[in-house]
């Protein structure tokens, strides 16, 4: 088997499984592990896969810190559909927290309550969107502004949460690794999210399917600390099964759901 044939075989296998061990590739292709590692190095340099702990992964698992403008161009339809579904979770007399992220921005545009609703928001864009609704009382958290997310972080934000109790937290994330948990790219944001979770009776994560299998720099929580995940129909069947086995409520939106 030529080098090119091995490369094609490796990439074909990753299309089926997302990740594969060096030892498995060595057995499958009948070459040494040294040869496989060299092949993976070449493919990684070409941007076709990512290497991690003795295995090859189809995508880079680490989430980068993109700006709001960049993120809003990604999966806008899926984010809107997720937002519409999340709005169904709002009930009369709710007091809710909105964290940050473009899926939370999309969600804010979907909130049209016929009853009074109290919202505490870390996101400037979400607060602006909600300001058009007369039935919503908005408390904008203060603190240090993160330019990339147009949201606030820091102890001033956390001090408001300490004296309140909320029915629900709606939270966006940068990564969902089923073994590691929920993550974001900023340590300060992760800490604020943790305080939000402590103040809320229920945590609902809004995340399009591209967030699965990725990790941000800072961990927010373990998987079992979240009550509901709302995502789109592109979620992989094996991820769906594992989440349901964890006892987390999984809501899938979109035509294929």
C-alpha atoms as a PDB file:
ATOM      1  CA  UNK A   1       0.000   0.000   0.000  1.00  0.00           C
ATOM      2  CA  UNK A   2       1.398   3.387  -1.001  1.00  0.00           C
ATOM      3  CA  UNK A   3       1.590   6.399   1.277  1.00  0.00           C
ATOM      4  CA  UNK A   4      -1.253   8.087  -0.615  1.00  0.00           C
ATOM      5  CA  UNK A   5      -3.410   4.974  -0.297  1.00  0.00           C
ATOM      6  CA  UNK A   6      -2.756   4.853   3.454  1.00  0.00           C
ATOM      7  CA  UNK A   7      -3.697   8.510   3.810  1.00  0.00           C
ATOM      8  CA  UNK A   8      -6.947   7.941   1.941  1.00  0.00           C
ATOM      9  CA  UNK A   9      -7.717   4.867   4.035  1.00  0.00           C
ATOM     10  CA  UNK A  10      -7.128   6.805   7.263  1.00  0.00           C
ATOM     11  CA  UNK A  11      -9.408   9.652   6.182  1.00  0.00           C
ATOM     12  CA  UNK A  12     -12.117   7.221   5.055  1.00  0.00           C
ATOM     13  CA  UNK A  13     -12.020   5.552   8.466  1.00  0.00           C
ATOM     14  CA  UNK A  14     -12.336   8.903  10.243  1.00  0.00           C
ATOM     15  CA  UNK A  15     -15.456   9.686   8.231  1.00  0.00           C
ATOM     16  CA  UNK A  16     -17.021   6.603   9.819  1.00  0.00           C
ATOM     17  CA  UNK A  17     -15.804   6.834  13.419  1.00  0.00           C
ATOM     18  CA  UNK A  18     -14.558  10.426  14.103  1.00  0.00           C
ATOM     19  CA  UNK A  19     -11.579   9.018  16.044  1.00  0.00           C
ATOM     20  CA  UNK A  20      -9.300   6.022  15.735  1.00  0.00           C
ATOM     21  CA  UNK A  21      -6.285   4.746  17.680  1.00  0.00           C
ATOM     22  CA  UNK A  22      -2.817   4.529  16.146  1.00  0.00           C
ATOM     23  CA  UNK A  23      -2.679   0.850  17.148  1.00  0.00           C
ATOM     24  CA  UNK A  24      -5.966   0.133  15.352  1.00  0.00           C
ATOM     25  CA  UNK A  25      -4.728   1.853  12.185  1.00  0.00           C
ATOM     26  CA  UNK A  26      -1.485  -0.095  12.378  1.00  0.00           C
ATOM     27  CA  UNK A  27      -3.371  -3.403  12.540  1.00  0.00           C
ATOM     28  CA  UNK A  28      -5.880  -2.392   9.878  1.00  0.00           C
ATOM     29  CA  UNK A  29      -3.288  -1.197   7.360  1.00  0.00           C
ATOM     30  CA  UNK A  30      -0.618  -3.767   8.252  1.00  0.00           C
ATOM     31  CA  UNK A  31       2.169  -1.244   8.838  1.00  0.00           C
ATOM     32  CA  UNK A  32       4.150  -0.211  11.922  1.00  0.00           C
ATOM     33  CA  UNK A  33       2.882   2.329  14.431  1.00  0.00           C
ATOM     34  CA  UNK A  34       5.877   4.510  13.506  1.00  0.00           C
ATOM     35  CA  UNK A  35       4.661   4.645   9.907  1.00  0.00           C
ATOM     36  CA  UNK A  36       1.127   5.490  11.049  1.00  0.00           C
ATOM     37  CA  UNK A  37       2.389   8.311  13.273  1.00  0.00           C
ATOM     38  CA  UNK A  38       4.307   9.772  10.322  1.00  0.00           C
ATOM     39  CA  UNK A  39       1.177   9.529   8.184  1.00  0.00           C
ATOM     40  CA  UNK A  40      -0.870  11.289  10.857  1.00  0.00           C
ATOM     41  CA  UNK A  41       1.746  14.031  11.147  1.00  0.00           C
ATOM     42  CA  UNK A  42       1.551  14.638   7.398  1.00  0.00           C
ATOM     43  CA  UNK A  43      -2.254  14.697   7.447  1.00  0.00           C
ATOM     44  CA  UNK A  44      -2.336  17.017  10.445  1.00  0.00           C
ATOM     45  CA  UNK A  45       0.027  19.466   8.719  1.00  0.00           C
ATOM     46  CA  UNK A  46      -2.318  19.389   5.738  1.00  0.00           C
ATOM     47  CA  UNK A  47      -5.212  20.307   8.037  1.00  0.00           C
ATOM     48  CA  UNK A  48      -7.102  17.064   7.385  1.00  0.00           C
ATOM     49  CA  UNK A  49      -7.175  15.684  10.927  1.00  0.00           C
ATOM     50  CA  UNK A  50      -6.038  16.352  14.487  1.00  0.00           C
ATOM     51  CA  UNK A  51      -3.738  14.179  16.611  1.00  0.00           C
ATOM     52  CA  UNK A  52      -4.383  13.624  20.300  1.00  0.00           C
ATOM     53  CA  UNK A  53      -3.017  11.035  22.790  1.00  0.00           C
ATOM     54  CA  UNK A  54      -2.199   8.218  20.388  1.00  0.00           C
ATOM     55  CA  UNK A  55      -5.194   8.645  18.153  1.00  0.00           C
ATOM     56  CA  UNK A  56      -6.444  10.613  15.162  1.00  0.00           C
ATOM     57  CA  UNK A  57      -9.522  12.841  15.422  1.00  0.00           C
ATOM     58  CA  UNK A  58     -11.594  14.108  12.516  1.00  0.00           C
ATOM     59  CA  UNK A  59     -11.805  17.699  13.801  1.00  0.00           C
ATOM     60  CA  UNK A  60      -9.705  19.900  16.055  1.00  0.00           C
ATOM     61  CA  UNK A  61     -11.331  19.388  19.472  1.00  0.00           C
ATOM     62  CA  UNK A  62     -10.240  22.746  20.865  1.00  0.00           C
ATOM     63  CA  UNK A  63     -12.595  25.678  20.441  1.00  0.00           C
ATOM     64  CA  UNK A  64     -11.059  29.023  19.522  1.00  0.00           C
ATOM     65  CA  UNK A  65     -12.121  32.416  20.871  1.00  0.00           C
ATOM     66  CA  UNK A  66     -13.892  33.912  17.857  1.00  0.00           C
ATOM     67  CA  UNK A  67     -15.660  37.272  17.928  1.00  0.00           C
ATOM     68  CA  UNK A  68     -19.440  37.641  18.065  1.00  0.00           C
ATOM     69  CA  UNK A  69     -19.526  38.823  14.450  1.00  0.00           C
ATOM     70  CA  UNK A  70     -17.671  35.706  13.308  1.00  0.00           C
ATOM     71  CA  UNK A  71     -19.809  33.324  15.368  1.00  0.00           C
ATOM     72  CA  UNK A  72     -23.119  34.829  14.256  1.00  0.00           C
ATOM     73  CA  UNK A  73     -22.363  33.774  10.679  1.00  0.00           C
ATOM     74  CA  UNK A  74     -22.137  30.134  11.767  1.00  0.00           C
ATOM     75  CA  UNK A  75     -25.336  28.032  11.767  1.00  0.00           C
ATOM     76  CA  UNK A  76     -27.803  30.959  12.080  1.00  0.00           C
ATOM     77  CA  UNK A  77     -30.849  28.839  11.177  1.00  0.00           C
ATOM     78  CA  UNK A  78     -29.969  26.164  13.717  1.00  0.00           C
ATOM     79  CA  UNK A  79     -29.434  28.795  16.426  1.00  0.00           C
ATOM     80  CA  UNK A  80     -32.788  30.422  15.688  1.00  0.00           C
ATOM     81  CA  UNK A  81     -34.585  27.056  15.829  1.00  0.00           C
ATOM     82  CA  UNK A  82     -32.848  26.244  19.106  1.00  0.00           C
ATOM     83  CA  UNK A  83     -33.918  29.642  20.446  1.00  0.00           C
ATOM     84  CA  UNK A  84     -37.541  29.064  19.468  1.00  0.00           C
ATOM     85  CA  UNK A  85     -37.538  25.704  21.240  1.00  0.00           C
ATOM     86  CA  UNK A  86     -35.869  27.169  24.330  1.00  0.00           C
ATOM     87  CA  UNK A  87     -38.575  29.842  24.537  1.00  0.00           C
ATOM     88  CA  UNK A  88     -41.119  27.064  25.158  1.00  0.00           C
ATOM     89  CA  UNK A  89     -39.402  26.355  28.487  1.00  0.00           C
ATOM     90  CA  UNK A  90     -40.324  29.807  29.850  1.00  0.00           C
ATOM     91  CA  UNK A  91     -43.327  29.736  32.172  1.00  0.00           C
ATOM     92  CA  UNK A  92     -45.411  32.381  33.964  1.00  0.00           C
ATOM     93  CA  UNK A  93     -43.640  34.004  36.915  1.00  0.00           C
ATOM     94  CA  UNK A  94     -40.253  32.740  35.817  1.00  0.00           C
ATOM     95  CA  UNK A  95     -37.090  34.601  36.712  1.00  0.00           C
ATOM     96  CA  UNK A  96     -34.324  33.539  34.356  1.00  0.00           C
ATOM     97  CA  UNK A  97     -30.639  34.123  33.693  1.00  0.00           C
ATOM     98  CA  UNK A  98     -29.193  34.526  30.220  1.00  0.00           C
ATOM     99  CA  UNK A  99     -25.493  33.802  29.884  1.00  0.00           C
ATOM    100  CA  UNK A 100     -23.566  34.830  26.773  1.00  0.00           C
ATOM    101  CA  UNK A 101     -23.017  33.655  23.205  1.00  0.00           C
ATOM    102  CA  UNK A 102     -24.622  33.963  19.799  1.00  0.00           C
ATOM    103  CA  UNK A 103     -27.130  31.184  20.462  1.00  0.00           C
ATOM    104  CA  UNK A 104     -28.268  33.146  23.507  1.00  0.00           C
ATOM    105  CA  UNK A 105     -28.587  36.247  21.279  1.00  0.00           C
ATOM    106  CA  UNK A 106     -30.803  34.260  18.908  1.00  0.00           C
ATOM    107  CA  UNK A 107     -32.820  32.984  21.855  1.00  0.00           C
ATOM    108  CA  UNK A 108     -33.397  36.523  23.152  1.00  0.00           C
ATOM    109  CA  UNK A 109     -35.112  37.452  19.871  1.00  0.00           C
ATOM    110  CA  UNK A 110     -37.474  34.483  20.358  1.00  0.00           C
ATOM    111  CA  UNK A 111     -38.700  35.479  23.830  1.00  0.00           C
ATOM    112  CA  UNK A 112     -42.160  37.044  23.465  1.00  0.00           C
ATOM    113  CA  UNK A 113     -43.905  36.458  26.802  1.00  0.00           C
ATOM    114  CA  UNK A 114     -47.586  37.181  27.286  1.00  0.00           C
ATOM    115  CA  UNK A 115     -46.895  37.425  31.008  1.00  0.00           C
ATOM    116  CA  UNK A 116     -44.379  39.223  33.192  1.00  0.00           C
ATOM    117  CA  UNK A 117     -40.848  37.871  33.006  1.00  0.00           C
ATOM    118  CA  UNK A 118     -37.734  38.862  34.930  1.00  0.00           C
ATOM    119  CA  UNK A 119     -34.438  38.395  33.099  1.00  0.00           C
ATOM    120  CA  UNK A 120     -30.908  38.851  34.403  1.00  0.00           C
ATOM    121  CA  UNK A 121     -28.520  39.020  31.470  1.00  0.00           C
ATOM    122  CA  UNK A 122     -24.761  38.910  31.033  1.00  0.00           C
ATOM    123  CA  UNK A 123     -25.116  39.586  27.310  1.00  0.00           C
ATOM    124  CA  UNK A 124     -25.423  43.153  26.067  1.00  0.00           C
ATOM    125  CA  UNK A 125     -26.936  42.088  22.749  1.00  0.00           C
ATOM    126  CA  UNK A 126     -29.501  39.885  24.455  1.00  0.00           C
ATOM    127  CA  UNK A 127     -30.531  42.751  26.748  1.00  0.00           C
ATOM    128  CA  UNK A 128     -30.972  45.079  23.791  1.00  0.00           C
ATOM    129  CA  UNK A 129     -33.145  42.518  21.995  1.00  0.00           C
ATOM    130  CA  UNK A 130     -35.275  41.977  25.100  1.00  0.00           C
ATOM    131  CA  UNK A 131     -35.727  45.714  25.641  1.00  0.00           C
ATOM    132  CA  UNK A 132     -38.339  45.710  22.870  1.00  0.00           C
ATOM    133  CA  UNK A 133     -40.684  43.612  25.015  1.00  0.00           C
ATOM    134  CA  UNK A 134     -42.792  45.537  27.561  1.00  0.00           C
ATOM    135  CA  UNK A 135     -43.499  42.427  29.651  1.00  0.00           C
ATOM    136  CA  UNK A 136     -39.828  41.799  30.408  1.00  0.00           C
ATOM    137  CA  UNK A 137     -38.023  43.364  33.353  1.00  0.00           C
ATOM    138  CA  UNK A 138     -34.321  43.301  32.517  1.00  0.00           C
ATOM    139  CA  UNK A 139     -31.420  43.435  34.938  1.00  0.00           C
ATOM    140  CA  UNK A 140     -28.170  43.920  33.066  1.00  0.00           C
ATOM    141  CA  UNK A 141     -25.180  42.528  34.912  1.00  0.00           C
ATOM    142  CA  UNK A 142     -22.264  44.897  35.319  1.00  0.00           C
ATOM    143  CA  UNK A 143     -18.564  44.196  35.304  1.00  0.00           C
ATOM    144  CA  UNK A 144     -15.713  43.946  32.840  1.00  0.00           C
ATOM    145  CA  UNK A 145     -16.790  43.829  29.198  1.00  0.00           C
ATOM    146  CA  UNK A 146     -15.486  40.999  27.040  1.00  0.00           C
ATOM    147  CA  UNK A 147     -15.180  42.558  23.607  1.00  0.00           C
ATOM    148  CA  UNK A 148     -15.187  39.235  21.754  1.00  0.00           C
ATOM    149  CA  UNK A 149     -18.536  38.127  23.226  1.00  0.00           C
ATOM    150  CA  UNK A 150     -20.068  41.532  24.075  1.00  0.00           C
ATOM    151  CA  UNK A 151     -20.845  40.226  27.543  1.00  0.00           C
ATOM    152  CA  UNK A 152     -19.698  41.009  31.069  1.00  0.00           C
ATOM    153  CA  UNK A 153     -17.577  39.005  33.495  1.00  0.00           C
ATOM    154  CA  UNK A 154     -16.022  39.501  36.917  1.00  0.00           C
ATOM    155  CA  UNK A 155     -16.898  39.922  40.580  1.00  0.00           C
ATOM    156  CA  UNK A 156     -19.375  42.760  40.006  1.00  0.00           C
ATOM    157  CA  UNK A 157     -21.472  40.418  37.873  1.00  0.00           C
ATOM    158  CA  UNK A 158     -21.241  37.640  40.424  1.00  0.00           C
ATOM    159  CA  UNK A 159     -22.227  39.862  43.375  1.00  0.00           C
ATOM    160  CA  UNK A 160     -25.728  40.400  41.944  1.00  0.00           C
ATOM    161  CA  UNK A 161     -26.265  36.668  41.525  1.00  0.00           C
ATOM    162  CA  UNK A 162     -25.330  35.925  45.128  1.00  0.00           C
ATOM    163  CA  UNK A 163     -28.484  37.593  46.477  1.00  0.00           C
ATOM    164  CA  UNK A 164     -30.986  36.117  44.005  1.00  0.00           C
ATOM    165  CA  UNK A 165     -32.680  32.847  43.141  1.00  0.00           C
ATOM    166  CA  UNK A 166     -33.722  31.957  39.597  1.00  0.00           C
ATOM    167  CA  UNK A 167     -35.967  29.323  38.099  1.00  0.00           C
ATOM    168  CA  UNK A 168     -33.818  28.701  35.014  1.00  0.00           C
ATOM    169  CA  UNK A 169     -30.434  29.459  33.504  1.00  0.00           C
ATOM    170  CA  UNK A 170     -30.093  29.446  29.712  1.00  0.00           C
ATOM    171  CA  UNK A 171     -26.431  29.016  28.878  1.00  0.00           C
ATOM    172  CA  UNK A 172     -24.388  28.900  25.687  1.00  0.00           C
ATOM    173  CA  UNK A 173     -21.069  27.028  25.572  1.00  0.00           C
ATOM    174  CA  UNK A 174     -18.058  26.773  23.278  1.00  0.00           C
ATOM    175  CA  UNK A 175     -17.547  23.046  23.700  1.00  0.00           C
ATOM    176  CA  UNK A 176     -19.300  19.881  24.853  1.00  0.00           C
ATOM    177  CA  UNK A 177     -17.035  16.911  25.489  1.00  0.00           C
ATOM    178  CA  UNK A 178     -19.094  14.020  26.837  1.00  0.00           C
ATOM    179  CA  UNK A 179     -16.189  12.849  28.991  1.00  0.00           C
ATOM    180  CA  UNK A 180     -14.854  16.239  30.100  1.00  0.00           C
ATOM    181  CA  UNK A 181     -17.992  18.398  30.302  1.00  0.00           C
ATOM    182  CA  UNK A 182     -19.050  21.886  29.220  1.00  0.00           C
ATOM    183  CA  UNK A 183     -16.422  24.515  28.415  1.00  0.00           C
ATOM    184  CA  UNK A 184     -15.853  28.053  27.238  1.00  0.00           C
ATOM    185  CA  UNK A 185     -12.785  29.868  25.936  1.00  0.00           C
ATOM    186  CA  UNK A 186     -12.505  32.321  28.846  1.00  0.00           C
ATOM    187  CA  UNK A 187     -11.756  31.438  32.484  1.00  0.00           C
ATOM    188  CA  UNK A 188     -13.656  34.461  33.832  1.00  0.00           C
ATOM    189  CA  UNK A 189     -16.734  33.537  31.849  1.00  0.00           C
ATOM    190  CA  UNK A 190     -16.522  29.947  33.077  1.00  0.00           C
ATOM    191  CA  UNK A 191     -16.469  31.151  36.694  1.00  0.00           C
ATOM    192  CA  UNK A 192     -19.458  33.444  36.111  1.00  0.00           C
ATOM    193  CA  UNK A 193     -21.351  30.563  34.491  1.00  0.00           C
ATOM    194  CA  UNK A 194     -20.624  28.421  37.557  1.00  0.00           C
ATOM    195  CA  UNK A 195     -22.131  31.090  39.836  1.00  0.00           C
ATOM    196  CA  UNK A 196     -25.151  31.296  37.538  1.00  0.00           C
ATOM    197  CA  UNK A 197     -25.650  27.545  37.835  1.00  0.00           C
ATOM    198  CA  UNK A 198     -25.564  27.770  41.632  1.00  0.00           C
ATOM    199  CA  UNK A 199     -28.221  30.500  41.588  1.00  0.00           C
ATOM    200  CA  UNK A 200     -30.606  28.665  39.227  1.00  0.00           C
ATOM    201  CA  UNK A 201     -32.899  25.712  39.921  1.00  0.00           C
ATOM    202  CA  UNK A 202     -32.465  24.340  36.392  1.00  0.00           C
ATOM    203  CA  UNK A 203     -29.663  24.736  33.813  1.00  0.00           C
ATOM    204  CA  UNK A 204     -30.534  24.558  30.123  1.00  0.00           C
ATOM    205  CA  UNK A 205     -27.687  24.510  27.599  1.00  0.00           C
ATOM    206  CA  UNK A 206     -28.329  25.872  24.103  1.00  0.00           C
ATOM    207  CA  UNK A 207     -25.742  24.569  21.627  1.00  0.00           C
ATOM    208  CA  UNK A 208     -25.715  23.739  17.939  1.00  0.00           C
ATOM    209  CA  UNK A 209     -24.329  20.318  17.036  1.00  0.00           C
ATOM    210  CA  UNK A 210     -20.919  21.680  15.999  1.00  0.00           C
ATOM    211  CA  UNK A 211     -20.113  22.220  19.701  1.00  0.00           C
ATOM    212  CA  UNK A 212     -20.047  18.477  20.424  1.00  0.00           C
ATOM    213  CA  UNK A 213     -16.627  16.849  20.567  1.00  0.00           C
ATOM    214  CA  UNK A 214     -14.914  20.174  21.284  1.00  0.00           C
ATOM    215  CA  UNK A 215     -13.276  21.715  24.345  1.00  0.00           C
ATOM    216  CA  UNK A 216     -12.724  25.335  25.250  1.00  0.00           C
ATOM    217  CA  UNK A 217      -9.893  26.431  27.521  1.00  0.00           C
ATOM    218  CA  UNK A 218     -11.961  26.755  30.699  1.00  0.00           C
ATOM    219  CA  UNK A 219     -14.286  24.141  32.158  1.00  0.00           C
ATOM    220  CA  UNK A 220     -17.742  25.238  33.297  1.00  0.00           C
ATOM    221  CA  UNK A 221     -19.157  21.989  34.655  1.00  0.00           C
ATOM    222  CA  UNK A 222     -19.462  18.255  34.340  1.00  0.00           C
ATOM    223  CA  UNK A 223     -22.143  16.801  32.084  1.00  0.00           C
ATOM    224  CA  UNK A 224     -24.329  15.671  34.997  1.00  0.00           C
ATOM    225  CA  UNK A 225     -24.575  19.218  36.373  1.00  0.00           C
ATOM    226  CA  UNK A 226     -26.864  20.247  33.490  1.00  0.00           C
ATOM    227  CA  UNK A 227     -30.568  19.396  33.264  1.00  0.00           C
ATOM    228  CA  UNK A 228     -31.426  19.992  29.590  1.00  0.00           C
ATOM    229  CA  UNK A 229     -29.509  20.299  26.314  1.00  0.00           C
ATOM    230  CA  UNK A 230     -31.225  21.803  23.266  1.00  0.00           C
ATOM    231  CA  UNK A 231     -29.425  21.193  19.979  1.00  0.00           C
ATOM    232  CA  UNK A 232     -30.089  20.659  16.275  1.00  0.00           C
ATOM    233  CA  UNK A 233     -30.677  17.580  14.145  1.00  0.00           C
ATOM    234  CA  UNK A 234     -27.030  17.290  13.102  1.00  0.00           C
ATOM    235  CA  UNK A 235     -26.099  15.760  16.449  1.00  0.00           C
ATOM    236  CA  UNK A 236     -24.505  12.342  15.968  1.00  0.00           C
ATOM    237  CA  UNK A 237     -26.465   9.260  16.948  1.00  0.00           C
ATOM    238  CA  UNK A 238     -23.758   8.047  19.334  1.00  0.00           C
ATOM    239  CA  UNK A 239     -23.696  11.428  21.139  1.00  0.00           C
ATOM    240  CA  UNK A 240     -27.489  11.371  21.393  1.00  0.00           C
ATOM    241  CA  UNK A 241     -27.430   7.897  22.907  1.00  0.00           C
ATOM    242  CA  UNK A 242     -24.736   8.727  25.467  1.00  0.00           C
ATOM    243  CA  UNK A 243     -26.503  11.901  26.610  1.00  0.00           C
ATOM    244  CA  UNK A 244     -29.765  10.052  27.080  1.00  0.00           C
ATOM    245  CA  UNK A 245     -27.929   7.327  29.041  1.00  0.00           C
ATOM    246  CA  UNK A 246     -26.615  10.066  31.365  1.00  0.00           C
ATOM    247  CA  UNK A 247     -30.195  10.993  32.235  1.00  0.00           C
ATOM    248  CA  UNK A 248     -29.950  14.469  30.690  1.00  0.00           C
ATOM    249  CA  UNK A 249     -33.048  15.677  28.867  1.00  0.00           C
ATOM    250  CA  UNK A 250     -32.085  16.124  25.211  1.00  0.00           C
ATOM    251  CA  UNK A 251     -34.234  18.222  22.886  1.00  0.00           C
ATOM    252  CA  UNK A 252     -33.422  18.054  19.171  1.00  0.00           C
ATOM    253  CA  UNK A 253     -34.833  20.642  16.770  1.00  0.00           C
ATOM    254  CA  UNK A 254     -34.876  20.748  12.970  1.00  0.00           C
ATOM    255  CA  UNK A 255     -36.389  18.888  10.066  1.00  0.00           C
ATOM    256  CA  UNK A 256     -34.554  15.626  10.741  1.00  0.00           C
ATOM    257  CA  UNK A 257     -35.381  15.524  14.466  1.00  0.00           C
END
